[in-house]
N, C-alpha and C. Protein backbone atom coordinates (compact mmCIF):
# COMPACT_ATOMS: atom_id res chain seq x y z
N MET A 1 138.95 76.17 90.57
CA MET A 1 139.65 77.58 90.23
C MET A 1 139.79 77.50 88.51
N ASN A 2 140.42 76.56 88.39
CA ASN A 2 140.94 76.54 86.53
C ASN A 2 139.36 75.93 86.02
N GLU A 3 138.85 75.24 86.47
CA GLU A 3 137.61 75.18 85.94
C GLU A 3 136.56 76.31 85.34
N ASN A 4 136.91 77.38 86.26
CA ASN A 4 135.97 78.69 86.07
C ASN A 4 136.53 79.58 84.88
N ILE A 5 137.92 79.70 85.17
CA ILE A 5 138.83 80.16 83.99
C ILE A 5 138.28 79.64 82.67
N GLU A 6 138.28 78.31 82.53
CA GLU A 6 138.03 77.75 81.30
C GLU A 6 136.88 77.81 80.88
N GLU A 7 135.61 77.53 81.62
CA GLU A 7 134.14 78.19 81.15
C GLU A 7 133.93 79.63 81.08
N GLN A 8 134.67 80.38 81.31
CA GLN A 8 134.71 81.62 81.48
C GLN A 8 135.22 82.01 79.80
N LYS A 9 136.54 81.41 79.46
CA LYS A 9 136.80 81.50 77.98
C LYS A 9 135.98 81.00 76.78
N LYS A 10 135.18 80.00 77.57
CA LYS A 10 134.25 79.43 76.54
C LYS A 10 132.86 79.99 76.35
N GLY A 11 132.65 81.40 77.19
CA GLY A 11 131.66 82.26 77.06
C GLY A 11 130.24 81.74 77.95
N LYS A 12 130.91 81.10 78.99
CA LYS A 12 129.82 80.74 80.13
C LYS A 12 129.61 81.52 80.98
N TYR A 13 128.78 81.43 81.92
CA TYR A 13 128.45 82.47 83.40
C TYR A 13 129.39 81.36 84.24
N VAL A 14 130.10 82.33 84.98
CA VAL A 14 130.55 81.86 86.31
C VAL A 14 130.11 81.95 87.48
N LEU A 15 130.28 80.90 88.37
CA LEU A 15 129.59 81.49 89.99
C LEU A 15 130.61 81.81 90.63
N ILE A 16 130.32 83.20 91.47
CA ILE A 16 131.29 83.79 91.89
C ILE A 16 131.51 83.19 93.26
N ARG A 17 130.03 83.10 93.80
CA ARG A 17 130.05 82.63 95.16
C ARG A 17 129.83 80.67 95.25
N GLU A 18 130.00 80.26 96.58
CA GLU A 18 129.77 78.81 96.70
C GLU A 18 128.04 79.39 97.17
N GLU A 19 127.51 77.93 96.44
CA GLU A 19 125.95 77.80 97.36
C GLU A 19 125.58 78.01 98.64
N GLU A 20 126.81 77.24 99.70
CA GLU A 20 126.35 77.31 101.04
C GLU A 20 126.72 78.84 101.63
N ASP A 21 127.27 79.54 101.15
CA ASP A 21 127.72 80.95 101.18
C ASP A 21 126.99 81.63 101.64
N ASN A 22 126.00 81.93 102.87
CA ASN A 22 124.84 82.78 102.53
C ASN A 22 125.03 84.05 103.00
N GLU A 23 126.13 84.52 103.71
CA GLU A 23 126.37 85.59 103.75
C GLU A 23 126.03 86.89 102.59
N LEU A 24 125.31 87.92 103.14
CA LEU A 24 124.75 88.85 102.01
C LEU A 24 125.70 90.35 102.47
N GLY A 25 127.05 90.47 102.17
CA GLY A 25 127.66 91.62 102.77
C GLY A 25 127.75 92.55 101.66
N GLY A 26 127.35 92.23 100.35
CA GLY A 26 127.49 93.67 99.51
C GLY A 26 126.48 94.67 99.57
N LEU A 27 127.06 95.67 98.80
CA LEU A 27 126.31 96.63 99.10
C LEU A 27 125.18 96.98 98.28
N PHE A 28 125.17 96.13 97.36
CA PHE A 28 124.07 96.31 96.46
C PHE A 28 122.86 95.11 96.76
N TYR A 29 123.22 94.45 97.86
CA TYR A 29 122.01 93.42 98.13
C TYR A 29 121.05 93.99 98.78
N LYS A 30 121.01 95.14 99.48
CA LYS A 30 120.37 95.97 100.08
C LYS A 30 119.25 96.71 99.42
N PRO A 31 118.01 96.30 99.17
CA PRO A 31 117.05 97.05 98.43
C PRO A 31 116.87 98.60 98.64
N LEU A 32 116.26 99.15 97.59
CA LEU A 32 116.81 100.64 97.43
C LEU A 32 115.44 100.82 98.03
N PRO A 33 115.42 102.15 98.71
CA PRO A 33 114.03 102.62 99.55
C PRO A 33 112.98 103.20 98.53
N PHE A 34 112.02 103.35 99.52
CA PHE A 34 110.63 103.95 98.43
C PHE A 34 110.31 102.95 97.47
N PHE A 35 109.97 101.66 98.28
CA PHE A 35 109.09 100.75 97.02
C PHE A 35 110.38 100.10 96.34
N GLY A 36 111.66 100.39 96.36
CA GLY A 36 112.54 99.81 95.75
C GLY A 36 112.86 100.51 94.44
N PHE A 37 112.41 101.66 94.27
CA PHE A 37 112.39 102.76 93.25
C PHE A 37 113.64 103.80 93.60
N GLY A 38 113.86 103.54 94.69
CA GLY A 38 115.13 104.63 95.38
C GLY A 38 114.38 106.24 95.44
N ILE A 39 114.94 107.13 95.95
CA ILE A 39 114.62 108.31 96.09
C ILE A 39 114.47 109.09 95.12
N GLY A 40 115.71 108.91 93.80
CA GLY A 40 115.13 109.96 92.61
C GLY A 40 114.16 109.39 91.53
N TRP A 41 113.99 108.07 91.36
CA TRP A 41 112.83 107.76 90.61
C TRP A 41 111.60 108.36 91.42
N PHE A 42 111.49 108.04 92.83
CA PHE A 42 110.24 108.13 93.56
C PHE A 42 110.09 109.64 93.56
N SER A 43 111.12 110.29 93.60
CA SER A 43 110.92 112.29 93.71
C SER A 43 110.61 112.33 92.28
N PHE A 44 111.01 111.66 91.14
CA PHE A 44 110.53 111.93 89.86
C PHE A 44 108.73 111.63 89.63
N LEU A 45 108.79 110.49 90.35
CA LEU A 45 107.02 110.49 90.17
C LEU A 45 106.12 111.06 91.02
N VAL A 46 106.68 111.65 92.11
CA VAL A 46 105.86 112.26 93.05
C VAL A 46 105.97 113.77 92.40
N GLY A 47 106.72 114.10 91.82
CA GLY A 47 107.07 115.32 91.11
C GLY A 47 105.86 115.90 90.12
N PHE A 48 105.42 115.08 89.55
CA PHE A 48 104.45 115.62 88.81
C PHE A 48 103.09 116.00 89.51
N PHE A 49 103.00 115.80 91.21
CA PHE A 49 101.91 115.93 91.91
C PHE A 49 102.39 117.10 92.49
N PHE A 50 103.60 117.03 92.72
CA PHE A 50 104.31 118.12 93.93
C PHE A 50 105.68 118.50 93.23
N PRO A 51 105.75 119.53 92.57
CA PRO A 51 107.06 119.84 91.51
C PRO A 51 108.12 119.73 92.71
N PHE A 52 108.26 120.20 94.04
CA PHE A 52 108.99 120.31 95.23
C PHE A 52 109.90 119.55 95.21
N ALA A 53 109.36 118.17 95.05
CA ALA A 53 110.37 116.61 94.91
C ALA A 53 111.15 116.91 94.24
N TRP A 54 110.90 117.49 92.89
CA TRP A 54 111.91 117.76 91.70
C TRP A 54 113.22 118.72 92.09
N TYR A 55 113.03 119.42 92.88
CA TYR A 55 113.81 120.22 93.40
C TYR A 55 114.88 119.64 94.59
N LEU A 56 113.98 119.11 95.47
CA LEU A 56 114.73 118.46 96.56
C LEU A 56 115.77 117.08 95.87
N ALA A 57 115.25 116.53 94.61
CA ALA A 57 116.10 115.63 94.23
C ALA A 57 117.04 116.30 93.53
N THR A 58 117.32 117.50 92.82
CA THR A 58 118.10 118.13 92.18
C THR A 58 119.15 118.31 93.29
N PHE A 59 118.94 119.09 93.81
CA PHE A 59 119.54 119.02 95.26
C PHE A 59 120.59 118.21 95.53
N LEU A 60 119.64 116.86 95.93
CA LEU A 60 120.73 115.68 96.47
C LEU A 60 121.55 115.47 94.87
N TYR A 61 121.21 115.42 94.11
CA TYR A 61 122.10 114.94 92.88
C TYR A 61 123.61 115.99 92.64
N LEU A 62 123.26 117.26 92.89
CA LEU A 62 124.04 118.13 92.85
C LEU A 62 125.39 118.14 93.85
N THR A 63 124.46 117.83 95.08
CA THR A 63 125.59 117.27 96.22
C THR A 63 126.12 115.92 96.22
N SER A 64 125.78 115.37 95.07
CA SER A 64 126.70 113.72 94.94
C SER A 64 126.06 112.87 95.80
N TYR A 65 124.91 112.78 96.13
CA TYR A 65 124.05 111.74 96.80
C TYR A 65 124.38 110.69 96.25
N TYR A 66 124.29 110.15 95.01
CA TYR A 66 124.52 109.04 94.40
C TYR A 66 126.16 108.05 94.31
N ARG A 67 126.90 109.05 95.35
CA ARG A 67 127.81 108.40 95.48
C ARG A 67 127.74 107.34 96.43
N ARG A 68 126.82 107.55 97.60
CA ARG A 68 126.18 106.38 98.37
C ARG A 68 126.09 105.19 97.73
N ASP A 69 125.06 105.46 96.64
CA ASP A 69 124.61 104.25 95.93
C ASP A 69 124.70 104.69 94.46
N PRO A 70 125.43 104.23 93.45
CA PRO A 70 125.25 104.33 92.20
C PRO A 70 124.07 104.22 91.73
N ARG A 71 123.10 103.41 91.84
CA ARG A 71 122.21 102.72 91.37
C ARG A 71 120.87 103.99 91.29
N GLU A 72 121.20 105.12 92.33
CA GLU A 72 120.30 106.27 92.54
C GLU A 72 120.75 107.40 91.31
N ARG A 73 121.76 107.46 90.69
CA ARG A 73 122.21 108.52 89.68
C ARG A 73 121.22 108.85 89.03
N SER A 74 120.68 107.59 88.12
CA SER A 74 119.72 108.16 87.10
C SER A 74 118.69 108.55 87.15
N GLY A 75 117.85 108.08 88.51
CA GLY A 75 116.41 108.72 88.82
C GLY A 75 117.19 109.88 89.27
N LEU A 76 118.01 110.46 89.74
CA LEU A 76 118.19 111.92 90.48
C LEU A 76 118.35 112.73 89.22
N ALA A 77 118.98 112.17 88.35
CA ALA A 77 119.46 113.05 87.06
C ALA A 77 118.00 113.27 86.48
N ALA A 78 117.24 112.18 86.31
CA ALA A 78 115.87 112.60 85.59
C ALA A 78 114.97 113.62 86.24
N SER A 79 114.80 113.45 87.73
CA SER A 79 114.41 114.78 88.54
C SER A 79 115.12 116.04 88.31
N ALA A 80 116.32 115.92 88.20
CA ALA A 80 117.00 117.37 87.90
C ALA A 80 116.25 117.93 86.45
N ILE A 81 116.24 117.10 85.79
CA ILE A 81 115.82 117.44 83.93
C ILE A 81 114.54 118.02 84.11
N ALA A 82 113.43 117.19 84.80
CA ALA A 82 112.37 117.42 85.07
C ALA A 82 112.28 119.26 85.68
N ALA A 83 113.25 119.24 86.62
CA ALA A 83 113.13 120.21 87.26
C ALA A 83 113.29 121.33 86.49
N LEU A 84 114.49 121.27 85.68
CA LEU A 84 114.92 122.49 84.48
C LEU A 84 113.47 122.40 83.87
N ILE A 85 113.21 121.52 83.39
CA ILE A 85 111.90 121.59 82.35
C ILE A 85 110.76 122.72 82.94
N PHE A 86 110.60 122.16 84.02
CA PHE A 86 109.36 122.68 84.83
C PHE A 86 109.69 124.31 84.97
N THR A 87 110.82 124.57 85.06
CA THR A 87 110.98 125.90 85.84
C THR A 87 111.12 126.69 84.47
N VAL A 88 111.58 125.99 83.28
CA VAL A 88 111.85 127.02 82.25
C VAL A 88 110.26 127.06 81.67
N ALA A 89 109.36 126.02 81.94
CA ALA A 89 107.89 126.64 81.36
C ALA A 89 106.88 127.50 82.32
N LEU A 90 107.57 127.31 83.75
CA LEU A 90 107.05 128.24 84.11
C LEU A 90 107.46 129.74 84.21
N VAL A 91 108.59 129.87 84.05
CA VAL A 91 109.14 131.26 83.58
C VAL A 91 108.51 131.64 82.66
N ILE A 92 108.27 131.22 81.35
CA ILE A 92 107.63 131.59 80.08
C ILE A 92 106.25 131.61 80.42
N THR A 93 105.63 130.80 81.19
CA THR A 93 104.10 131.32 81.44
C THR A 93 104.18 132.48 82.69
N VAL A 94 104.78 132.71 83.30
CA VAL A 94 104.71 133.96 84.25
C VAL A 94 104.99 135.00 82.98
N LEU A 95 106.08 135.17 82.40
CA LEU A 95 106.43 136.10 81.10
C LEU A 95 105.39 136.50 80.13
N VAL A 96 104.38 135.60 79.58
CA VAL A 96 103.31 135.57 78.91
C VAL A 96 102.52 136.03 79.75
N LEU A 97 101.89 135.60 80.75
CA LEU A 97 101.08 136.27 81.68
C LEU A 97 101.27 137.65 82.11
N VAL A 98 102.65 138.00 82.28
CA VAL A 98 103.20 139.78 82.72
C VAL A 98 102.74 140.59 81.46
N PHE A 99 103.56 140.29 80.53
CA PHE A 99 103.21 140.95 79.51
C PHE A 99 101.97 140.71 78.51
N SER A 100 101.06 140.05 78.57
CA SER A 100 99.70 139.89 78.15
C SER A 100 98.47 140.58 78.77
N ALA A 101 99.14 141.22 79.98
CA ALA A 101 98.41 141.76 80.73
C ALA A 101 98.42 143.28 80.52
N ARG A 102 99.58 143.68 79.75
CA ARG A 102 99.43 145.14 79.66
C ARG A 102 98.54 145.69 78.46
């Protein structure tokens, strides 16, 4: 253990586990769902074809789904921002079409 502290002070990486320890008990050893993208990034990509996926991811973001796995937070936030931009663009488009018809 003393060797690890000395190596850490020198700026070297320190092995946390022993090599013979094959137990994968950590939360982040489990891969993310949807081909490793996670729900947020998968929803972000699918949202370009089906914008409802952005709203689903926004709902998950607002209900703090990312507390289960913090790696999901960035993808869910990106989907929420995309949903906001899509909604604003949709409202502007509808307003322009309504007022230009008069």
